[in-house]
Amino acid sequence: MCMSKRMVRGEVFISLRKVSFGWPLAATKVLDGVELELGRGFYGLVGENGAGKSTLLSVLAGELEVEGQVLCSGSVVRVPQESVA
């Protein structure tokens, strides 16, 4: 679930405002000043390995503490990926 259950405006379901996150002991932030607004629906997230896709999904699901604001008007669920041997 989102870190803040405050309603966001209009048709926006999720809003990230100046969201930053870095792993402990990492030299750089994985997310730095991210601004994002999404309406209700289904979305895909594509990017290179190590680009921060899983981290962003963990932020949206409220699994990580971040700088900035994560607002939503409902629940966000992240299904962890499983390795296929």
Protein backbone atom coordinates (compact mmCIF):
# COMPACT_ATOMS: atom_id res chain seq x y z
CA MET A 1 0.00 0.00 0.00
CA CYS A 2 1.09 3.58 -0.43
CA MET A 3 2.90 5.36 2.37
CA SER A 4 0.25 8.06 2.47
CA LYS A 5 -3.43 7.28 2.05
CA ARG A 6 -4.31 10.90 1.26
CA MET A 7 -6.48 11.35 -1.76
CA VAL A 8 -4.78 12.75 -4.81
CA ARG A 9 -6.52 15.10 -7.18
CA GLY A 10 -8.90 14.24 -10.00
CA GLU A 11 -8.22 11.11 -12.03
CA VAL A 12 -4.75 10.61 -10.55
CA PHE A 13 -4.42 7.32 -8.65
CA ILE A 14 -0.72 7.52 -7.72
CA SER A 15 1.43 10.60 -7.37
CA LEU A 16 5.17 10.70 -6.64
CA ARG A 17 6.57 14.09 -5.70
CA LYS A 18 10.33 14.60 -5.59
CA VAL A 19 10.88 10.98 -4.54
CA SER A 20 14.46 9.91 -3.92
CA PHE A 21 15.88 6.63 -2.66
CA GLY A 22 19.33 5.15 -2.29
CA TRP A 23 20.43 1.81 -0.90
CA PRO A 24 22.67 1.96 2.19
CA LEU A 25 26.37 2.10 1.27
CA ALA A 26 25.55 2.88 -2.39
CA ALA A 27 27.48 5.71 -4.04
CA THR A 28 24.47 7.06 -5.96
CA LYS A 29 20.72 7.19 -5.52
CA VAL A 30 18.61 4.70 -7.44
CA LEU A 31 15.75 7.20 -7.67
CA ASP A 32 16.51 10.92 -7.56
CA GLY A 33 13.73 13.54 -7.59
CA VAL A 34 11.17 11.34 -9.38
CA GLU A 35 7.90 13.07 -10.32
CA LEU A 36 5.13 10.78 -11.58
CA GLU A 37 1.35 10.73 -11.85
CA LEU A 38 -0.63 7.66 -12.92
CA GLY A 39 -4.35 7.13 -13.34
CA ARG A 40 -6.08 3.85 -12.53
CA GLY A 41 -5.21 1.01 -14.87
CA PHE A 42 -2.55 -1.52 -15.78
CA TYR A 43 0.99 -0.45 -16.64
CA GLY A 44 4.20 -2.07 -17.83
CA LEU A 45 7.66 -1.05 -16.68
CA VAL A 46 10.57 -1.75 -19.00
CA GLY A 47 14.25 -0.97 -18.58
CA GLU A 48 17.77 -2.32 -18.40
CA ASN A 49 18.99 -4.52 -15.56
CA GLY A 50 19.83 -2.38 -12.54
CA ALA A 51 17.82 0.62 -13.78
CA GLY A 52 15.61 0.71 -10.66
CA LYS A 53 12.41 -0.98 -11.89
CA SER A 54 11.99 -3.26 -8.86
CA THR A 55 12.97 -0.44 -6.52
CA LEU A 56 10.32 1.83 -8.02
CA LEU A 57 7.67 -0.89 -7.64
CA SER A 58 8.73 -1.43 -4.02
CA VAL A 59 8.36 2.31 -3.42
CA LEU A 60 4.87 2.32 -4.97
CA ALA A 61 3.89 -0.64 -2.78
CA GLY A 62 5.11 1.19 0.35
CA GLU A 63 7.87 -1.32 1.07
CA LEU A 64 10.68 1.26 1.22
CA GLU A 65 11.08 4.55 3.06
CA VAL A 66 11.89 7.41 0.70
CA GLU A 67 12.53 11.13 0.65
CA GLY A 68 9.61 13.01 -0.90
CA GLN A 69 5.92 12.08 -1.10
CA VAL A 70 4.15 8.98 -2.34
CA LEU A 71 0.39 9.60 -2.48
CA CYS A 72 -2.38 7.30 -3.66
CA SER A 73 -6.13 6.96 -3.53
CA GLY A 74 -6.19 3.16 -3.23
CA SER A 75 -3.94 0.15 -2.77
CA VAL A 76 -0.86 -0.80 -4.76
CA VAL A 77 0.18 -4.45 -4.77
CA ARG A 78 3.56 -5.72 -5.95
CA VAL A 79 3.93 -9.40 -6.78
CA PRO A 80 7.62 -10.32 -6.33
CA GLN A 81 9.30 -11.88 -9.32
CA GLU A 82 10.40 -15.47 -9.01
CA SER A 83 13.51 -16.99 -10.50
CA VAL A 84 12.98 -19.74 -13.05
CA ALA A 85 15.65 -22.42 -12.90
